[in-house]
């Protein structure tokens, strides 16, 4: 689960979900008020998950899987990533450069 990089506060799942919806905007820690952002490593992980998802969708489309199934696979993958974000990614108290 997310924890504040400044004070170590463990976010509740309900507090951590808004991070999933907009990765580029920082959110304030409910405990200390410090602005928190995704770490550069977390944004790279997100990029890799997206790349793997695109490869899976392209592969499923290339084996002539019906289009509704491709959309279903994509929807399940996006939903899973959004719901698991607080458990996979980390926060930083400063916006780090990607590279």
N, C-alpha and C. Protein backbone atom coordinates (compact mmCIF):
# COMPACT_ATOMS: atom_id res chain seq x y z
N UNK A 1 0.85 -1.18 0.00
CA UNK A 1 0.00 0.00 0.00
C UNK A 1 0.89 1.24 0.00
N UNK A 2 0.39 2.31 -0.57
CA UNK A 2 1.15 3.56 -0.61
C UNK A 2 1.51 4.01 0.80
N UNK A 3 2.69 4.60 0.92
CA UNK A 3 3.06 5.25 2.17
C UNK A 3 3.71 6.58 1.82
N UNK A 4 3.49 7.58 2.65
CA UNK A 4 4.01 8.92 2.43
C UNK A 4 5.54 8.88 2.51
N UNK A 5 6.20 9.51 1.55
CA UNK A 5 7.67 9.53 1.56
C UNK A 5 8.21 10.44 2.65
N UNK A 6 7.41 11.38 3.15
CA UNK A 6 7.87 12.31 4.18
C UNK A 6 7.66 11.79 5.60
N UNK A 7 6.41 11.40 5.89
CA UNK A 7 6.09 11.02 7.27
C UNK A 7 5.86 9.53 7.47
N UNK A 8 5.79 8.75 6.38
CA UNK A 8 5.59 7.31 6.51
C UNK A 8 4.15 6.89 6.72
N UNK A 9 3.21 7.82 6.59
CA UNK A 9 1.79 7.52 6.77
C UNK A 9 1.34 6.50 5.72
N UNK A 10 0.67 5.44 6.15
CA UNK A 10 0.15 4.42 5.24
C UNK A 10 -1.24 4.86 4.77
N UNK A 11 -1.36 5.08 3.48
CA UNK A 11 -2.65 5.48 2.91
C UNK A 11 -3.64 4.33 3.02
N UNK A 12 -4.88 4.66 3.29
CA UNK A 12 -5.95 3.67 3.21
C UNK A 12 -6.24 3.47 1.73
N UNK A 13 -6.84 2.34 1.39
CA UNK A 13 -7.12 2.02 -0.01
C UNK A 13 -7.97 3.11 -0.65
N UNK A 14 -8.97 3.58 0.08
CA UNK A 14 -9.87 4.62 -0.41
C UNK A 14 -9.12 5.94 -0.67
N UNK A 15 -8.13 6.23 0.12
CA UNK A 15 -7.32 7.45 -0.07
C UNK A 15 -6.34 7.29 -1.23
N UNK A 16 -5.90 6.07 -1.49
CA UNK A 16 -4.89 5.82 -2.52
C UNK A 16 -5.49 5.73 -3.92
N UNK A 17 -6.76 5.42 -4.05
CA UNK A 17 -7.36 5.24 -5.37
C UNK A 17 -7.29 6.47 -6.26
N UNK A 18 -7.46 7.71 -5.78
CA UNK A 18 -7.35 8.86 -6.70
C UNK A 18 -6.00 8.97 -7.40
N UNK A 19 -4.94 8.39 -6.85
CA UNK A 19 -3.65 8.38 -7.53
C UNK A 19 -3.74 7.58 -8.84
N UNK A 20 -4.58 6.55 -8.86
CA UNK A 20 -4.70 5.70 -10.04
C UNK A 20 -5.33 6.43 -11.21
N UNK A 21 -6.17 7.39 -10.92
CA UNK A 21 -6.93 8.05 -11.98
C UNK A 21 -6.14 9.10 -12.71
N UNK A 22 -5.15 9.71 -12.07
CA UNK A 22 -4.37 10.74 -12.73
C UNK A 22 -2.94 10.70 -12.18
N UNK A 23 -2.07 10.05 -12.90
CA UNK A 23 -0.71 9.81 -12.40
C UNK A 23 0.16 11.06 -12.40
N UNK A 24 -0.13 12.02 -13.23
CA UNK A 24 0.75 13.19 -13.35
C UNK A 24 0.47 14.26 -12.30
N UNK A 25 -0.66 14.19 -11.64
CA UNK A 25 -1.01 15.20 -10.64
C UNK A 25 -0.70 14.65 -9.26
N UNK A 26 0.02 15.41 -8.48
CA UNK A 26 0.33 14.98 -7.12
C UNK A 26 -0.87 15.14 -6.21
N UNK A 27 -0.86 14.43 -5.13
CA UNK A 27 -1.92 14.51 -4.11
C UNK A 27 -1.27 14.80 -2.77
N UNK A 28 -2.00 15.45 -1.90
CA UNK A 28 -1.49 15.78 -0.57
C UNK A 28 -1.66 14.60 0.37
N UNK A 29 -0.67 14.42 1.23
CA UNK A 29 -0.75 13.41 2.28
C UNK A 29 -1.79 13.86 3.30
N UNK A 30 -2.73 13.00 3.69
CA UNK A 30 -3.73 13.40 4.67
C UNK A 30 -3.14 13.65 6.07
N UNK A 31 -1.96 13.13 6.34
CA UNK A 31 -1.34 13.26 7.65
C UNK A 31 -0.50 14.54 7.77
N UNK A 32 0.45 14.71 6.85
CA UNK A 32 1.39 15.84 6.98
C UNK A 32 1.15 16.95 5.94
N UNK A 33 0.34 16.69 4.92
CA UNK A 33 0.02 17.70 3.92
C UNK A 33 1.07 17.86 2.83
N UNK A 34 2.12 17.05 2.83
CA UNK A 34 3.15 17.12 1.81
C UNK A 34 2.61 16.55 0.49
N UNK A 35 2.93 17.21 -0.59
CA UNK A 35 2.49 16.76 -1.91
C UNK A 35 3.24 15.48 -2.27
N UNK A 36 2.52 14.46 -2.71
CA UNK A 36 3.10 13.17 -3.06
C UNK A 36 2.88 12.90 -4.55
N UNK A 37 3.90 12.33 -5.19
CA UNK A 37 3.85 12.00 -6.61
C UNK A 37 4.28 10.55 -6.78
N UNK A 38 3.96 9.97 -7.93
CA UNK A 38 4.51 8.66 -8.25
C UNK A 38 6.02 8.79 -8.40
N UNK A 39 6.75 7.81 -7.93
CA UNK A 39 8.20 7.82 -8.12
C UNK A 39 8.51 7.51 -9.59
N UNK A 40 9.71 7.84 -10.03
CA UNK A 40 10.11 7.57 -11.41
C UNK A 40 10.07 6.07 -11.69
N UNK A 41 10.49 5.27 -10.72
CA UNK A 41 10.47 3.81 -10.90
C UNK A 41 9.03 3.30 -11.08
N UNK A 42 8.09 3.90 -10.37
CA UNK A 42 6.69 3.50 -10.49
C UNK A 42 6.13 3.88 -11.86
N UNK A 43 6.50 5.05 -12.35
CA UNK A 43 6.02 5.44 -13.68
C UNK A 43 6.62 4.55 -14.76
N UNK A 44 7.86 4.09 -14.57
CA UNK A 44 8.46 3.15 -15.52
C UNK A 44 7.73 1.81 -15.47
N UNK A 45 7.38 1.35 -14.26
CA UNK A 45 6.60 0.11 -14.13
C UNK A 45 5.29 0.24 -14.88
N UNK A 46 4.64 1.38 -14.73
CA UNK A 46 3.37 1.62 -15.41
C UNK A 46 3.55 1.55 -16.92
N UNK A 47 4.65 2.11 -17.41
CA UNK A 47 4.94 2.08 -18.84
C UNK A 47 5.13 0.63 -19.31
N UNK A 48 5.82 -0.18 -18.51
CA UNK A 48 6.05 -1.57 -18.88
C UNK A 48 4.73 -2.36 -18.87
N UNK A 49 3.88 -2.13 -17.87
CA UNK A 49 2.58 -2.80 -17.84
C UNK A 49 1.76 -2.44 -19.07
N UNK A 50 1.81 -1.18 -19.48
CA UNK A 50 1.08 -0.73 -20.66
C UNK A 50 1.63 -1.41 -21.91
N UNK A 51 2.94 -1.50 -22.01
CA UNK A 51 3.57 -2.13 -23.16
C UNK A 51 3.19 -3.62 -23.25
N UNK A 52 3.24 -4.32 -22.13
CA UNK A 52 2.87 -5.74 -22.11
C UNK A 52 1.39 -5.89 -22.50
N UNK A 53 0.54 -4.99 -21.98
CA UNK A 53 -0.87 -5.05 -22.33
C UNK A 53 -1.11 -4.84 -23.81
N UNK A 54 -0.39 -3.90 -24.40
CA UNK A 54 -0.53 -3.66 -25.83
C UNK A 54 -0.06 -4.88 -26.63
N UNK A 55 1.01 -5.51 -26.21
CA UNK A 55 1.50 -6.70 -26.91
C UNK A 55 0.47 -7.82 -26.83
N UNK A 56 -0.14 -8.00 -25.66
CA UNK A 56 -1.17 -9.04 -25.51
C UNK A 56 -2.36 -8.75 -26.41
N UNK A 57 -2.78 -7.50 -26.47
CA UNK A 57 -3.93 -7.14 -27.31
C UNK A 57 -3.59 -7.33 -28.78
N UNK A 58 -2.42 -6.92 -29.19
CA UNK A 58 -2.01 -7.11 -30.60
C UNK A 58 -1.93 -8.59 -30.93
N UNK A 59 -1.37 -9.39 -30.03
CA UNK A 59 -1.27 -10.83 -30.25
C UNK A 59 -2.66 -11.46 -30.36
N UNK A 60 -3.56 -11.09 -29.44
CA UNK A 60 -4.91 -11.67 -29.48
C UNK A 60 -5.66 -11.25 -30.74
N UNK A 61 -5.37 -10.07 -31.24
CA UNK A 61 -5.99 -9.61 -32.48
C UNK A 61 -5.38 -10.33 -33.68
N UNK A 62 -4.09 -10.65 -33.62
CA UNK A 62 -3.42 -11.31 -34.75
C UNK A 62 -3.82 -12.78 -34.89
N UNK A 63 -4.32 -13.39 -33.83
CA UNK A 63 -4.78 -14.79 -33.94
C UNK A 63 -6.27 -14.85 -34.24
N UNK A 64 -6.80 -13.70 -34.71
CA UNK A 64 -8.20 -13.60 -35.15
C UNK A 64 -9.19 -13.86 -34.03
N UNK A 65 -8.86 -13.43 -32.84
CA UNK A 65 -9.80 -13.48 -31.74
C UNK A 65 -10.89 -12.46 -32.02
N UNK A 66 -12.15 -12.78 -31.83
CA UNK A 66 -13.21 -11.81 -32.13
C UNK A 66 -13.01 -10.50 -31.36
N UNK A 67 -13.35 -9.39 -32.00
CA UNK A 67 -13.12 -8.07 -31.45
C UNK A 67 -13.75 -7.86 -30.07
N UNK A 68 -14.97 -8.36 -29.80
CA UNK A 68 -15.50 -8.18 -28.44
C UNK A 68 -14.62 -8.82 -27.36
N UNK A 69 -13.99 -9.94 -27.69
CA UNK A 69 -13.09 -10.58 -26.73
C UNK A 69 -11.83 -9.75 -26.51
N UNK A 70 -11.34 -9.12 -27.56
CA UNK A 70 -10.17 -8.26 -27.44
C UNK A 70 -10.51 -7.08 -26.51
N UNK A 71 -11.68 -6.48 -26.71
CA UNK A 71 -12.11 -5.38 -25.84
C UNK A 71 -12.31 -5.85 -24.40
N UNK A 72 -12.83 -7.06 -24.23
CA UNK A 72 -13.01 -7.62 -22.90
C UNK A 72 -11.67 -7.82 -22.20
N UNK A 73 -10.70 -8.35 -22.92
CA UNK A 73 -9.35 -8.55 -22.36
C UNK A 73 -8.74 -7.20 -21.97
N UNK A 74 -8.87 -6.22 -22.85
CA UNK A 74 -8.33 -4.88 -22.57
C UNK A 74 -9.00 -4.27 -21.35
N UNK A 75 -10.31 -4.40 -21.24
CA UNK A 75 -11.04 -3.86 -20.09
C UNK A 75 -10.63 -4.51 -18.78
N UNK A 76 -10.46 -5.81 -18.81
CA UNK A 76 -10.05 -6.53 -17.60
C UNK A 76 -8.64 -6.10 -17.19
N UNK A 77 -7.74 -5.95 -18.16
CA UNK A 77 -6.37 -5.56 -17.83
C UNK A 77 -6.31 -4.14 -17.27
N UNK A 78 -7.05 -3.22 -17.85
CA UNK A 78 -7.06 -1.84 -17.36
C UNK A 78 -7.67 -1.79 -15.96
N UNK A 79 -8.77 -2.49 -15.76
CA UNK A 79 -9.41 -2.52 -14.44
C UNK A 79 -8.49 -3.11 -13.38
N UNK A 80 -7.82 -4.20 -13.73
CA UNK A 80 -6.91 -4.83 -12.78
C UNK A 80 -5.77 -3.89 -12.41
N UNK A 81 -5.22 -3.20 -13.40
CA UNK A 81 -4.12 -2.29 -13.12
C UNK A 81 -4.57 -1.14 -12.22
N UNK A 82 -5.74 -0.59 -12.50
CA UNK A 82 -6.25 0.51 -11.67
C UNK A 82 -6.52 0.06 -10.23
N UNK A 83 -7.06 -1.14 -10.07
CA UNK A 83 -7.37 -1.62 -8.73
C UNK A 83 -6.13 -2.05 -7.95
N UNK A 84 -5.09 -2.49 -8.64
CA UNK A 84 -3.88 -2.96 -7.97
C UNK A 84 -2.81 -1.88 -7.82
N UNK A 85 -3.03 -0.71 -8.39
CA UNK A 85 -2.04 0.37 -8.35
C UNK A 85 -1.52 0.67 -6.94
N UNK A 86 -2.38 0.80 -5.92
CA UNK A 86 -1.84 1.12 -4.58
C UNK A 86 -0.90 0.05 -4.01
N UNK A 87 -0.99 -1.17 -4.50
CA UNK A 87 -0.15 -2.24 -3.98
C UNK A 87 1.16 -2.39 -4.76
N UNK A 88 1.20 -1.89 -5.99
CA UNK A 88 2.35 -2.10 -6.87
C UNK A 88 3.30 -0.92 -6.87
N UNK A 89 2.77 0.30 -6.85
CA UNK A 89 3.58 1.49 -7.06
C UNK A 89 3.98 2.16 -5.75
N UNK A 90 4.95 3.09 -5.86
CA UNK A 90 5.47 3.80 -4.69
C UNK A 90 5.33 5.31 -4.92
N UNK A 91 5.38 6.05 -3.82
CA UNK A 91 5.26 7.50 -3.89
C UNK A 91 6.57 8.18 -3.54
N UNK A 92 6.70 9.41 -4.02
CA UNK A 92 7.85 10.25 -3.73
C UNK A 92 7.34 11.63 -3.34
N UNK A 93 8.11 12.36 -2.53
CA UNK A 93 7.65 13.69 -2.12
C UNK A 93 8.08 14.77 -3.10
N UNK A 94 8.74 14.38 -4.20
CA UNK A 94 9.09 15.34 -5.24
C UNK A 94 8.84 14.68 -6.61
N UNK A 95 8.53 15.49 -7.59
CA UNK A 95 8.29 14.95 -8.92
C UNK A 95 9.63 14.67 -9.57
N UNK A 96 9.95 13.39 -9.71
CA UNK A 96 11.25 12.97 -10.22
C UNK A 96 11.21 12.91 -11.74
N UNK A 97 12.34 13.23 -12.40
CA UNK A 97 12.37 13.08 -13.86
C UNK A 97 12.30 11.60 -14.24
N UNK A 98 11.70 11.35 -15.36
CA UNK A 98 11.50 9.97 -15.80
C UNK A 98 12.82 9.27 -16.11
N UNK A 99 13.75 9.95 -16.73
CA UNK A 99 15.02 9.31 -17.13
C UNK A 99 16.15 9.92 -16.39
